[in-house]
C-alpha atoms as a PDB file:
ATOM      1  CA  MET A   1      33.408  48.770 -10.397  1.00  0.00           C
ATOM      2  CA  LEU A   2      34.588  45.213 -10.917  1.00  0.00           C
ATOM      3  CA  LEU A   3      33.926  44.424  -7.255  1.00  0.00           C
ATOM      4  CA  ALA A   4      30.280  45.521  -7.664  1.00  0.00           C
ATOM      5  CA  LEU A   5      29.809  42.872 -10.371  1.00  0.00           C
ATOM      6  CA  PHE A   6      30.598  40.140  -7.827  1.00  0.00           C
ATOM      7  CA  PHE A   7      27.660  41.248  -5.638  1.00  0.00           C
ATOM      8  CA  LEU A   8      25.216  41.642  -8.541  1.00  0.00           C
ATOM      9  CA  PRO A   9      24.094  37.949  -8.581  1.00  0.00           C
ATOM     10  CA  ALA A  10      23.457  38.053  -4.823  1.00  0.00           C
ATOM     11  CA  VAL A  11      21.385  41.210  -5.155  1.00  0.00           C
ATOM     12  CA  ALA A  12      19.459  39.683  -8.072  1.00  0.00           C
ATOM     13  CA  VAL A  13      18.586  36.616  -5.982  1.00  0.00           C
ATOM     14  CA  ILE A  14      17.442  38.762  -3.045  1.00  0.00           C
ATOM     15  CA  VAL A  15      15.235  40.862  -5.327  1.00  0.00           C
ATOM     16  CA  PHE A  16      13.821  37.709  -6.933  1.00  0.00           C
ATOM     17  CA  MET A  17      12.955  36.218  -3.511  1.00  0.00           C
ATOM     18  CA  VAL A  18      11.251  39.395  -2.326  1.00  0.00           C
ATOM     19  CA  VAL A  19       9.307  40.122  -5.517  1.00  0.00           C
ATOM     20  CA  ARG A  20       8.108  36.659  -6.492  1.00  0.00           C
ATOM     21  CA  ARG A  21       4.577  35.566  -5.665  1.00  0.00           C
ATOM     22  CA  PRO A  22       3.868  33.189  -2.796  1.00  0.00           C
ATOM     23  CA  VAL A  23       3.669  29.518  -3.686  1.00  0.00           C
ATOM     24  CA  ARG A  24       0.161  28.144  -4.015  1.00  0.00           C
ATOM     25  CA  VAL A  25      -0.497  24.594  -2.893  1.00  0.00           C
ATOM     26  CA  LEU A  26      -3.500  22.859  -4.380  1.00  0.00           C
ATOM     27  CA  ALA A  27      -5.568  20.616  -2.169  1.00  0.00           C
ATOM     28  CA  GLU A  28      -4.581  17.010  -2.712  1.00  0.00           C
ATOM     29  CA  GLU A  29      -7.370  14.511  -3.176  1.00  0.00           C
ATOM     30  CA  THR A  30      -7.137  11.600  -0.772  1.00  0.00           C
ATOM     31  CA  PRO A  31      -7.922   8.070  -1.932  1.00  0.00           C
ATOM     32  CA  PRO A  32     -11.031   6.385  -0.529  1.00  0.00           C
ATOM     33  CA  PRO A  33     -10.492   4.186   2.522  1.00  0.00           C
ATOM     34  CA  ALA A  34      -9.722   0.537   1.875  1.00  0.00           C
ATOM     35  CA  THR A  35     -12.585  -1.895   2.203  1.00  0.00           C
ATOM     36  CA  VAL A  36     -12.457  -5.615   2.821  1.00  0.00           C
ATOM     37  CA  SER A  37     -14.777  -7.713   0.728  1.00  0.00           C
ATOM     38  CA  GLY A  38     -15.814 -11.192   1.738  1.00  0.00           C
ATOM     39  CA  ALA A  39     -15.442 -12.466   5.277  1.00  0.00           C
ATOM     40  CA  ALA A  40     -15.403  -9.891   8.067  1.00  0.00           C
ATOM     41  CA  ASP A  41     -12.174 -11.339   9.488  1.00  0.00           C
ATOM     42  CA  PRO A  42     -10.016 -12.941   6.768  1.00  0.00           C
ATOM     43  CA  VAL A  43      -7.356 -13.962   9.299  1.00  0.00           C
ATOM     44  CA  THR A  44      -9.865 -16.182  11.110  1.00  0.00           C
ATOM     45  CA  THR A  45     -10.942 -17.693   7.793  1.00  0.00           C
ATOM     46  CA  LEU A  46      -7.338 -18.370   6.850  1.00  0.00           C
ATOM     47  CA  ASP A  47      -6.657 -19.901  10.262  1.00  0.00           C
ATOM     48  CA  ALA A  48      -9.639 -22.254   9.892  1.00  0.00           C
ATOM     49  CA  LEU A  49      -8.474 -23.303   6.411  1.00  0.00           C
ATOM     50  CA  LEU A  50      -4.957 -23.965   7.688  1.00  0.00           C
ATOM     51  CA  ALA A  51      -6.338 -26.100  10.532  1.00  0.00           C
ATOM     52  CA  GLU A  52      -8.414 -28.065   7.999  1.00  0.00           C
ATOM     53  CA  LEU A  53      -5.326 -28.543   5.840  1.00  0.00           C
ATOM     54  CA  GLU A  54      -3.316 -29.815   8.808  1.00  0.00           C
ATOM     55  CA  ASN A  55      -6.063 -32.308   9.654  1.00  0.00           C
ATOM     56  CA  SER A  56      -6.278 -33.443   6.039  1.00  0.00           C
ATOM     57  CA  ALA A  57      -2.535 -33.914   5.790  1.00  0.00           C
ATOM     58  CA  LEU A  58      -2.668 -36.307   8.737  1.00  0.00           C
ATOM     59  CA  GLY A  59      -5.684 -38.207   7.388  1.00  0.00           C
ATOM     60  CA  ASN A  60      -6.173 -40.163   4.210  1.00  0.00           C
ATOM     61  CA  ARG A  61      -7.432 -37.603   1.720  1.00  0.00           C
ATOM     62  CA  SER A  62      -7.309 -37.753  -2.049  1.00  0.00           C
ATOM     63  CA  ALA A  63      -5.208 -35.432  -4.167  1.00  0.00           C
ATOM     64  CA  ALA A  64      -8.360 -33.737  -5.491  1.00  0.00           C
ATOM     65  CA  GLN A  65      -9.483 -32.876  -1.956  1.00  0.00           C
ATOM     66  CA  LEU A  66      -6.037 -31.487  -1.127  1.00  0.00           C
ATOM     67  CA  GLU A  67      -6.069 -29.413  -4.314  1.00  0.00           C
ATOM     68  CA  GLN A  68      -9.495 -28.071  -3.369  1.00  0.00           C
ATOM     69  CA  LEU A  69      -8.150 -27.027   0.035  1.00  0.00           C
ATOM     70  CA  ALA A  70      -5.142 -25.417  -1.646  1.00  0.00           C
ATOM     71  CA  ASP A  71      -7.495 -23.421  -3.886  1.00  0.00           C
ATOM     72  CA  LYS A  72      -9.418 -22.240  -0.814  1.00  0.00           C
ATOM     73  CA  LEU A  73      -6.154 -21.152   0.818  1.00  0.00           C
ATOM     74  CA  GLU A  74      -5.095 -19.244  -2.291  1.00  0.00           C
ATOM     75  CA  ALA A  75      -8.460 -17.457  -2.393  1.00  0.00           C
ATOM     76  CA  ALA A  76      -8.127 -16.522   1.286  1.00  0.00           C
ATOM     77  CA  ALA A  77      -4.568 -15.307   0.706  1.00  0.00           C
ATOM     78  CA  ASP A  78      -5.766 -13.151  -2.202  1.00  0.00           C
ATOM     79  CA  GLY A  79      -8.312 -11.650   0.172  1.00  0.00           C
ATOM     80  CA  LEU A  80      -5.533 -10.730   2.598  1.00  0.00           C
ATOM     81  CA  LYS A  81      -3.492  -8.813   0.000  1.00  0.00           C
ATOM     82  CA  GLY A  82      -5.346  -5.551   0.682  1.00  0.00           C
ATOM     83  CA  VAL A  83      -5.311  -5.957   4.469  1.00  0.00           C
ATOM     84  CA  GLY A  84      -2.586  -4.298   6.529  1.00  0.00           C
END
């Protein structure tokens, strides 16, 4: 009789697995595809801004002009955050 008590948990688990209902999986909603706002190719825009910055670093530009270029680069970099 004592030996039968050792098998009782195993039998209970088998009965539970056979009797329980199948698992229902709800359809998961997918997020909308990412869209890029602004320029069609932000990498090209960023490349052009970097080339302009390189040219300005070699020339005699004022600090205000360099800051303006830096602001343009930051805006282009913000546009690249959602890409890739």
